[in-house]
Amino acid sequence: MAADDDGPTGVHCRLDELLAARGMTLTRLSAIVGVSQVNLSVLKNDRARAVRYSTLVAVCRALDCEIGDLLVLDPPTSGGAAS
């Protein structure tokens, strides 16, 4: 079980893409939402293991997007369950 702690979560954060589309930096987003650049970077680089709802709401409001625009499921890998 502990071995899974470093594995992929199956969720991709599109923060980098959303920031680029809006011409906003991570530094600016951090100032707007009150979340550290380090924590936003962890989220942006798909290294987050958990995210507070309040953080998701603040980020989505600042970027004028929905949570589903920010977080998307990774496609299933080969050998996984087929739909």
PDB file of N, CA and C in Angstrom:
ATOM      1  N   MET A   1       0.814  -1.190   0.000  1.00  0.00           N
ATOM      2  CA  MET A   1       0.000   0.000   0.000  1.00  0.00           C
ATOM      3  C   MET A   1       0.858   1.255   0.000  1.00  0.00           C
ATOM      4  N   ALA A   2       1.911   1.268   0.763  1.00  0.00           N
ATOM      5  CA  ALA A   2       2.775   2.437   0.788  1.00  0.00           C
ATOM      6  C   ALA A   2       3.452   2.645  -0.560  1.00  0.00           C
ATOM      7  N   ALA A   3       3.664   1.575  -1.317  1.00  0.00           N
ATOM      8  CA  ALA A   3       4.291   1.695  -2.628  1.00  0.00           C
ATOM      9  C   ALA A   3       3.439   2.530  -3.575  1.00  0.00           C
ATOM     10  N   ASP A   4       2.132   2.528  -3.386  1.00  0.00           N
ATOM     11  CA  ASP A   4       1.238   3.297  -4.246  1.00  0.00           C
ATOM     12  C   ASP A   4       1.319   4.794  -3.975  1.00  0.00           C
ATOM     13  N   ASP A   5       1.902   5.195  -2.856  1.00  0.00           N
ATOM     14  CA  ASP A   5       1.960   6.607  -2.498  1.00  0.00           C
ATOM     15  C   ASP A   5       2.736   7.433  -3.517  1.00  0.00           C
ATOM     16  N   ASP A   6       3.683   6.823  -4.221  1.00  0.00           N
ATOM     17  CA  ASP A   6       4.487   7.558  -5.189  1.00  0.00           C
ATOM     18  C   ASP A   6       4.000   7.365  -6.614  1.00  0.00           C
ATOM     19  N   GLY A   7       2.994   6.543  -6.810  1.00  0.00           N
ATOM     20  CA  GLY A   7       2.499   6.247  -8.146  1.00  0.00           C
ATOM     21  C   GLY A   7       1.549   7.304  -8.661  1.00  0.00           C
ATOM     22  N   PRO A   8       1.188   7.166  -9.927  1.00  0.00           N
ATOM     23  CA  PRO A   8       0.250   8.122 -10.520  1.00  0.00           C
ATOM     24  C   PRO A   8      -1.126   8.031  -9.871  1.00  0.00           C
ATOM     25  N   THR A   9      -1.814   9.149  -9.845  1.00  0.00           N
ATOM     26  CA  THR A   9      -3.130   9.200  -9.210  1.00  0.00           C
ATOM     27  C   THR A   9      -4.249   8.869 -10.178  1.00  0.00           C
ATOM     28  N   GLY A  10      -3.974   8.943 -11.480  1.00  0.00           N
ATOM     29  CA  GLY A  10      -5.026   8.745 -12.467  1.00  0.00           C
ATOM     30  C   GLY A  10      -5.774  10.032 -12.771  1.00  0.00           C
ATOM     31  N   VAL A  11      -5.329  11.138 -12.158  1.00  0.00           N
ATOM     32  CA  VAL A  11      -5.949  12.444 -12.377  1.00  0.00           C
ATOM     33  C   VAL A  11      -4.871  13.399 -12.893  1.00  0.00           C
ATOM     34  N   HIS A  12      -5.212  14.154 -13.926  1.00  0.00           N
ATOM     35  CA  HIS A  12      -4.291  15.150 -14.485  1.00  0.00           C
ATOM     36  C   HIS A  12      -4.835  16.540 -14.199  1.00  0.00           C
ATOM     37  N   CYS A  13      -3.973  17.401 -13.708  1.00  0.00           N
ATOM     38  CA  CYS A  13      -4.347  18.791 -13.448  1.00  0.00           C
ATOM     39  C   CYS A  13      -3.935  19.639 -14.649  1.00  0.00           C
ATOM     40  N   ARG A  14      -4.873  20.377 -15.192  1.00  0.00           N
ATOM     41  CA  ARG A  14      -4.637  21.204 -16.373  1.00  0.00           C
ATOM     42  C   ARG A  14      -4.292  22.651 -16.006  1.00  0.00           C
ATOM     43  N   LEU A  15      -3.780  22.871 -14.809  1.00  0.00           N
ATOM     44  CA  LEU A  15      -3.503  24.222 -14.335  1.00  0.00           C
ATOM     45  C   LEU A  15      -2.558  24.971 -15.270  1.00  0.00           C
ATOM     46  N   ASP A  16      -1.507  24.320 -15.725  1.00  0.00           N
ATOM     47  CA  ASP A  16      -0.541  24.950 -16.622  1.00  0.00           C
ATOM     48  C   ASP A  16      -1.234  25.465 -17.883  1.00  0.00           C
ATOM     49  N   GLU A  17      -2.087  24.631 -18.472  1.00  0.00           N
ATOM     50  CA  GLU A  17      -2.795  24.999 -19.699  1.00  0.00           C
ATOM     51  C   GLU A  17      -3.771  26.150 -19.452  1.00  0.00           C
ATOM     52  N   LEU A  18      -4.484  26.095 -18.337  1.00  0.00           N
ATOM     53  CA  LEU A  18      -5.453  27.145 -18.024  1.00  0.00           C
ATOM     54  C   LEU A  18      -4.759  28.477 -17.743  1.00  0.00           C
ATOM     55  N   LEU A  19      -3.634  28.430 -17.048  1.00  0.00           N
ATOM     56  CA  LEU A  19      -2.871  29.656 -16.795  1.00  0.00           C
ATOM     57  C   LEU A  19      -2.382  30.260 -18.109  1.00  0.00           C
ATOM     58  N   ALA A  20      -1.832  29.425 -18.983  1.00  0.00           N
ATOM     59  CA  ALA A  20      -1.318  29.903 -20.271  1.00  0.00           C
ATOM     60  C   ALA A  20      -2.429  30.534 -21.104  1.00  0.00           C
ATOM     61  N   ALA A  21      -3.588  29.902 -21.121  1.00  0.00           N
ATOM     62  CA  ALA A  21      -4.716  30.407 -21.909  1.00  0.00           C
ATOM     63  C   ALA A  21      -5.190  31.769 -21.405  1.00  0.00           C
ATOM     64  N   ARG A  22      -4.943  32.045 -20.130  1.00  0.00           N
ATOM     65  CA  ARG A  22      -5.403  33.300 -19.536  1.00  0.00           C
ATOM     66  C   ARG A  22      -4.277  34.320 -19.368  1.00  0.00           C
ATOM     67  N   GLY A  23      -3.077  33.942 -19.789  1.00  0.00           N
ATOM     68  CA  GLY A  23      -1.939  34.846 -19.654  1.00  0.00           C
ATOM     69  C   GLY A  23      -1.615  35.169 -18.206  1.00  0.00           C
ATOM     70  N   MET A  24      -1.813  34.195 -17.325  1.00  0.00           N
ATOM     71  CA  MET A  24      -1.597  34.401 -15.890  1.00  0.00           C
ATOM     72  C   MET A  24      -0.420  33.542 -15.426  1.00  0.00           C
ATOM     73  N   THR A  25       0.340  34.066 -14.485  1.00  0.00           N
ATOM     74  CA  THR A  25       1.450  33.304 -13.921  1.00  0.00           C
ATOM     75  C   THR A  25       1.004  32.590 -12.647  1.00  0.00           C
ATOM     76  N   LEU A  26       1.783  31.610 -12.267  1.00  0.00           N
ATOM     77  CA  LEU A  26       1.523  30.901 -11.018  1.00  0.00           C
ATOM     78  C   LEU A  26       1.668  31.860  -9.831  1.00  0.00           C
ATOM     79  N   THR A  27       2.603  32.786  -9.943  1.00  0.00           N
ATOM     80  CA  THR A  27       2.813  33.788  -8.891  1.00  0.00           C
ATOM     81  C   THR A  27       1.563  34.642  -8.706  1.00  0.00           C
ATOM     82  N   ARG A  28       0.980  35.083  -9.805  1.00  0.00           N
ATOM     83  CA  ARG A  28      -0.235  35.906  -9.742  1.00  0.00           C
ATOM     84  C   ARG A  28      -1.395  35.100  -9.173  1.00  0.00           C
ATOM     85  N   LEU A  29      -1.563  33.858  -9.635  1.00  0.00           N
ATOM     86  CA  LEU A  29      -2.640  33.011  -9.120  1.00  0.00           C
ATOM     87  C   LEU A  29      -2.480  32.805  -7.619  1.00  0.00           C
ATOM     88  N   SER A  30      -1.258  32.579  -7.183  1.00  0.00           N
ATOM     89  CA  SER A  30      -0.978  32.392  -5.761  1.00  0.00           C
ATOM     90  C   SER A  30      -1.430  33.604  -4.953  1.00  0.00           C
ATOM     91  N   ALA A  31      -1.144  34.793  -5.459  1.00  0.00           N
ATOM     92  CA  ALA A  31      -1.538  36.018  -4.762  1.00  0.00           C
ATOM     93  C   ALA A  31      -3.057  36.171  -4.718  1.00  0.00           C
ATOM     94  N   ILE A  32      -3.725  35.787  -5.790  1.00  0.00           N
ATOM     95  CA  ILE A  32      -5.185  35.922  -5.863  1.00  0.00           C
ATOM     96  C   ILE A  32      -5.881  34.950  -4.919  1.00  0.00           C
ATOM     97  N   VAL A  33      -5.440  33.685  -4.924  1.00  0.00           N
ATOM     98  CA  VAL A  33      -6.165  32.654  -4.171  1.00  0.00           C
ATOM     99  C   VAL A  33      -5.648  32.444  -2.757  1.00  0.00           C
ATOM    100  N   GLY A  34      -4.468  32.980  -2.435  1.00  0.00           N
ATOM    101  CA  GLY A  34      -3.940  32.813  -1.088  1.00  0.00           C
ATOM    102  C   GLY A  34      -3.407  31.422  -0.807  1.00  0.00           C
ATOM    103  N   VAL A  35      -2.918  30.763  -1.847  1.00  0.00           N
ATOM    104  CA  VAL A  35      -2.296  29.443  -1.712  1.00  0.00           C
ATOM    105  C   VAL A  35      -0.849  29.606  -2.163  1.00  0.00           C
ATOM    106  N   SER A  36       0.079  28.987  -1.449  1.00  0.00           N
ATOM    107  CA  SER A  36       1.497  29.169  -1.765  1.00  0.00           C
ATOM    108  C   SER A  36       1.827  28.678  -3.175  1.00  0.00           C
ATOM    109  N   GLN A  37       2.854  29.297  -3.752  1.00  0.00           N
ATOM    110  CA  GLN A  37       3.323  28.868  -5.069  1.00  0.00           C
ATOM    111  C   GLN A  37       3.776  27.411  -5.033  1.00  0.00           C
ATOM    112  N   VAL A  38       4.372  27.008  -3.931  1.00  0.00           N
ATOM    113  CA  VAL A  38       4.831  25.622  -3.796  1.00  0.00           C
ATOM    114  C   VAL A  38       3.647  24.664  -3.889  1.00  0.00           C
ATOM    115  N   ASN A  39       2.570  24.951  -3.156  1.00  0.00           N
ATOM    116  CA  ASN A  39       1.401  24.065  -3.192  1.00  0.00           C
ATOM    117  C   ASN A  39       0.730  24.072  -4.558  1.00  0.00           C
ATOM    118  N   LEU A  40       0.653  25.234  -5.198  1.00  0.00           N
ATOM    119  CA  LEU A  40       0.077  25.288  -6.542  1.00  0.00           C
ATOM    120  C   LEU A  40       0.956  24.540  -7.541  1.00  0.00           C
ATOM    121  N   SER A  41       2.263  24.610  -7.359  1.00  0.00           N
ATOM    122  CA  SER A  41       3.189  23.888  -8.234  1.00  0.00           C
ATOM    123  C   SER A  41       3.020  22.378  -8.092  1.00  0.00           C
ATOM    124  N   VAL A  42       2.830  21.918  -6.864  1.00  0.00           N
ATOM    125  CA  VAL A  42       2.581  20.491  -6.626  1.00  0.00           C
ATOM    126  C   VAL A  42       1.318  20.058  -7.368  1.00  0.00           C
ATOM    127  N   LEU A  43       0.282  20.870  -7.296  1.00  0.00           N
ATOM    128  CA  LEU A  43      -0.965  20.584  -8.003  1.00  0.00           C
ATOM    129  C   LEU A  43      -0.735  20.601  -9.512  1.00  0.00           C
ATOM    130  N   LYS A  44      -0.072  21.628 -10.001  1.00  0.00           N
ATOM    131  CA  LYS A  44       0.179  21.811 -11.436  1.00  0.00           C
ATOM    132  C   LYS A  44       0.976  20.662 -12.034  1.00  0.00           C
ATOM    133  N   ASN A  45       1.899  20.122 -11.259  1.00  0.00           N
ATOM    134  CA  ASN A  45       2.779  19.062 -11.757  1.00  0.00           C
ATOM    135  C   ASN A  45       2.275  17.656 -11.438  1.00  0.00           C
ATOM    136  N   ASP A  46       0.991  17.545 -11.115  1.00  0.00           N
ATOM    137  CA  ASP A  46       0.347  16.245 -10.858  1.00  0.00           C
ATOM    138  C   ASP A  46       0.999  15.468  -9.718  1.00  0.00           C
ATOM    139  N   ARG A  47       1.527  16.177  -8.732  1.00  0.00           N
ATOM    140  CA  ARG A  47       2.130  15.499  -7.585  1.00  0.00           C
ATOM    141  C   ARG A  47       1.253  15.566  -6.344  1.00  0.00           C
ATOM    142  N   ALA A  48       0.109  16.230  -6.444  1.00  0.00           N
ATOM    143  CA  ALA A  48      -0.781  16.360  -5.281  1.00  0.00           C
ATOM    144  C   ALA A  48      -1.456  15.030  -4.985  1.00  0.00           C
ATOM    145  N   ARG A  49      -1.503  14.669  -3.720  1.00  0.00           N
ATOM    146  CA  ARG A  49      -2.189  13.444  -3.292  1.00  0.00           C
ATOM    147  C   ARG A  49      -3.589  13.774  -2.788  1.00  0.00           C
ATOM    148  N   ALA A  50      -3.790  15.012  -2.387  1.00  0.00           N
ATOM    149  CA  ALA A  50      -5.096  15.467  -1.899  1.00  0.00           C
ATOM    150  C   ALA A  50      -5.163  16.975  -2.127  1.00  0.00           C
ATOM    151  N   VAL A  51      -6.374  17.468  -2.342  1.00  0.00           N
ATOM    152  CA  VAL A  51      -6.581  18.898  -2.561  1.00  0.00           C
ATOM    153  C   VAL A  51      -7.815  19.318  -1.778  1.00  0.00           C
ATOM    154  N   ARG A  52      -7.722  20.412  -1.060  1.00  0.00           N
ATOM    155  CA  ARG A  52      -8.888  20.920  -0.323  1.00  0.00           C
ATOM    156  C   ARG A  52      -9.919  21.451  -1.307  1.00  0.00           C
ATOM    157  N   TYR A  53     -11.181  21.227  -0.979  1.00  0.00           N
ATOM    158  CA  TYR A  53     -12.259  21.785  -1.797  1.00  0.00           C
ATOM    159  C   TYR A  53     -12.121  23.299  -1.888  1.00  0.00           C
ATOM    160  N   SER A  54     -11.759  23.928  -0.791  1.00  0.00           N
ATOM    161  CA  SER A  54     -11.637  25.392  -0.792  1.00  0.00           C
ATOM    162  C   SER A  54     -10.564  25.862  -1.776  1.00  0.00           C
ATOM    163  N   THR A  55      -9.496  25.081  -1.921  1.00  0.00           N
ATOM    164  CA  THR A  55      -8.450  25.416  -2.888  1.00  0.00           C
ATOM    165  C   THR A  55      -8.976  25.273  -4.306  1.00  0.00           C
ATOM    166  N   LEU A  56      -9.679  24.174  -4.578  1.00  0.00           N
ATOM    167  CA  LEU A  56     -10.255  23.971  -5.910  1.00  0.00           C
ATOM    168  C   LEU A  56     -11.212  25.101  -6.268  1.00  0.00           C
ATOM    169  N   VAL A  57     -12.069  25.461  -5.330  1.00  0.00           N
ATOM    170  CA  VAL A  57     -13.044  26.530  -5.572  1.00  0.00           C
ATOM    171  C   VAL A  57     -12.320  27.851  -5.846  1.00  0.00           C
ATOM    172  N   ALA A  58     -11.328  28.181  -5.039  1.00  0.00           N
ATOM    173  CA  ALA A  58     -10.606  29.443  -5.207  1.00  0.00           C
ATOM    174  C   ALA A  58      -9.882  29.496  -6.551  1.00  0.00           C
ATOM    175  N   VAL A  59      -9.226  28.407  -6.924  1.00  0.00           N
ATOM    176  CA  VAL A  59      -8.511  28.357  -8.201  1.00  0.00           C
ATOM    177  C   VAL A  59      -9.492  28.481  -9.362  1.00  0.00           C
ATOM    178  N   CYS A  60     -10.579  27.744  -9.301  1.00  0.00           N
ATOM    179  CA  CYS A  60     -11.564  27.790 -10.386  1.00  0.00           C
ATOM    180  C   CYS A  60     -12.213  29.166 -10.504  1.00  0.00           C
ATOM    181  N   ARG A  61     -12.479  29.802  -9.390  1.00  0.00           N
ATOM    182  CA  ARG A  61     -13.053  31.161  -9.447  1.00  0.00           C
ATOM    183  C   ARG A  61     -12.053  32.143 -10.048  1.00  0.00           C
ATOM    184  N   ALA A  62     -10.801  32.025  -9.663  1.00  0.00           N
ATOM    185  CA  ALA A  62      -9.770  32.930 -10.187  1.00  0.00           C
ATOM    186  C   ALA A  62      -9.557  32.729 -11.685  1.00  0.00           C
ATOM    187  N   LEU A  63      -9.708  31.490 -12.144  1.00  0.00           N
ATOM    188  CA  LEU A  63      -9.491  31.179 -13.561  1.00  0.00           C
ATOM    189  C   LEU A  63     -10.790  31.163 -14.362  1.00  0.00           C
ATOM    190  N   ASP A  64     -11.907  31.426 -13.689  1.00  0.00           N
ATOM    191  CA  ASP A  64     -13.223  31.420 -14.332  1.00  0.00           C
ATOM    192  C   ASP A  64     -13.439  30.115 -15.103  1.00  0.00           C
ATOM    193  N   CYS A  65     -13.299  29.002 -14.371  1.00  0.00           N
ATOM    194  CA  CYS A  65     -13.485  27.689 -14.984  1.00  0.00           C
ATOM    195  C   CYS A  65     -14.214  26.774 -14.010  1.00  0.00           C
ATOM    196  N   GLU A  66     -14.576  25.620 -14.493  1.00  0.00           N
ATOM    197  CA  GLU A  66     -15.213  24.600 -13.669  1.00  0.00           C
ATOM    198  C   GLU A  66     -14.148  23.627 -13.169  1.00  0.00           C
ATOM    199  N   ILE A  67     -14.460  22.913 -12.112  1.00  0.00           N
ATOM    200  CA  ILE A  67     -13.514  21.932 -11.566  1.00  0.00           C
ATOM    201  C   ILE A  67     -13.156  20.892 -12.626  1.00  0.00           C
ATOM    202  N   GLY A  68     -14.124  20.509 -13.449  1.00  0.00           N
ATOM    203  CA  GLY A  68     -13.870  19.543 -14.523  1.00  0.00           C
ATOM    204  C   GLY A  68     -12.958  20.077 -15.616  1.00  0.00           C
ATOM    205  N   ASP A  69     -12.813  21.402 -15.706  1.00  0.00           N
ATOM    206  CA  ASP A  69     -11.849  21.990 -16.639  1.00  0.00           C
ATOM    207  C   ASP A  69     -10.439  21.894 -16.069  1.00  0.00           C
ATOM    208  N   LEU A  70     -10.346  21.911 -14.752  1.00  0.00           N
ATOM    209  CA  LEU A  70      -9.061  21.896 -14.058  1.00  0.00           C
ATOM    210  C   LEU A  70      -8.523  20.481 -13.865  1.00  0.00           C
ATOM    211  N   LEU A  71      -9.398  19.570 -13.451  1.00  0.00           N
ATOM    212  CA  LEU A  71      -8.993  18.189 -13.175  1.00  0.00           C
ATOM    213  C   LEU A  71      -9.673  17.242 -14.147  1.00  0.00           C
ATOM    214  N   VAL A  72      -8.880  16.406 -14.802  1.00  0.00           N
ATOM    215  CA  VAL A  72      -9.421  15.426 -15.743  1.00  0.00           C
ATOM    216  C   VAL A  72      -8.814  14.058 -15.447  1.00  0.00           C
ATOM    217  N   LEU A  73      -9.556  13.014 -15.764  1.00  0.00           N
ATOM    218  CA  LEU A  73      -9.046  11.660 -15.580  1.00  0.00           C
ATOM    219  C   LEU A  73      -8.045  11.328 -16.673  1.00  0.00           C
ATOM    220  N   ASP A  74      -6.954  10.663 -16.290  1.00  0.00           N
ATOM    221  CA  ASP A  74      -6.012  10.146 -17.278  1.00  0.00           C
ATOM    222  C   ASP A  74      -6.687   9.025 -18.042  1.00  0.00           C
ATOM    223  N   PRO A  75      -6.357   8.869 -19.323  1.00  0.00           N
ATOM    224  CA  PRO A  75      -6.930   7.735 -20.053  1.00  0.00           C
ATOM    225  C   PRO A  75      -6.442   6.425 -19.445  1.00  0.00           C
ATOM    226  N   PRO A  76      -7.270   5.369 -19.533  1.00  0.00           N
ATOM    227  CA  PRO A  76      -6.844   4.073 -18.982  1.00  0.00           C
ATOM    228  C   PRO A  76      -5.591   3.572 -19.698  1.00  0.00           C
ATOM    229  N   THR A  77      -4.739   2.908 -18.950  1.00  0.00           N
ATOM    230  CA  THR A  77      -3.530   2.337 -19.546  1.00  0.00           C
ATOM    231  C   THR A  77      -3.854   0.987 -20.155  1.00  0.00           C
ATOM    232  N   SER A  78      -3.017   0.539 -21.064  1.00  0.00           N
ATOM    233  CA  SER A  78      -3.248  -0.779 -21.659  1.00  0.00           C
ATOM    234  C   SER A  78      -3.148  -1.828 -20.566  1.00  0.00           C
ATOM    235  N   GLY A  79      -4.014  -2.799 -20.647  1.00  0.00           N
ATOM    236  CA  GLY A  79      -4.072  -3.823 -19.616  1.00  0.00           C
ATOM    237  C   GLY A  79      -5.074  -3.494 -18.546  1.00  0.00           C
ATOM    238  N   GLY A  80      -5.624  -2.269 -18.593  1.00  0.00           N
ATOM    239  CA  GLY A  80      -6.646  -1.866 -17.634  1.00  0.00           C
ATOM    240  C   GLY A  80      -7.998  -2.347 -18.088  1.00  0.00           C
ATOM    241  N   ALA A  81      -9.012  -2.042 -17.325  1.00  0.00           N
ATOM    242  CA  ALA A  81     -10.369  -2.446 -17.666  1.00  0.00           C
ATOM    243  C   ALA A  81     -10.829  -1.704 -18.910  1.00  0.00           C
ATOM    244  N   ALA A  82     -11.387  -2.421 -19.850  1.00  0.00           N
ATOM    245  CA  ALA A  82     -11.901  -1.817 -21.080  1.00  0.00           C
ATOM    246  C   ALA A  82     -13.339  -1.395 -20.879  1.00  0.00           C
ATOM    247  N   SER A  83     -13.732  -0.318 -21.568  1.00  0.00           N
ATOM    248  CA  SER A  83     -15.112   0.132 -21.456  1.00  0.00           C
ATOM    249  C   SER A  83     -15.937  -0.413 -22.583  1.00  0.00           C
TER     250      SER A  83
END
